[in-house]
Amino acid sequence: MLTYLNLKPGSYTFKVISSNDEGIWNKKAVEFSFTILPPFWQTWWFYSFCFIAFLSAVYSYLKIKASNKLIKKSNQMVTEQNKIIEEKNHEIIDSIKYAKIIQEAILPNNSLKEEMT
């Protein structure tokens, strides 16, 4: 029995010529053909899968990065709009307070109205 180690993937044909106990050799070699298939990680479809997975990972990374930039920009816009709304709200409240002061200065007090009647 022979053992052949580290045969690379491919097709092989063994040809054997033998003799018997009387030293008579056979005239025609016996042939045995076989094929060694490569492991799955050395096949074209595995390389294709890895390439597609790599491209998908790069694409996903770029999409997420672009999405994060868009979210950041959107958050900045919302913050700016909130500041503007806060300023406008403050201006309106100040205007209402000022109008109240003017009203109180011009119009007579309610207690005075009740005394006159």
Foldseek 3Di string as FASTA:
>chain_A
DDDDPDDDFFKDKDWDWDADPVGDIDDGTDIDIDTDDDPPCPDPVVVVVVVVVVVVVVVVVVVVVVVVVVVVVVVVVVVVVVVVVVVVVVVVVVVVVVVVVVCPVPDDDPVVVVVVD
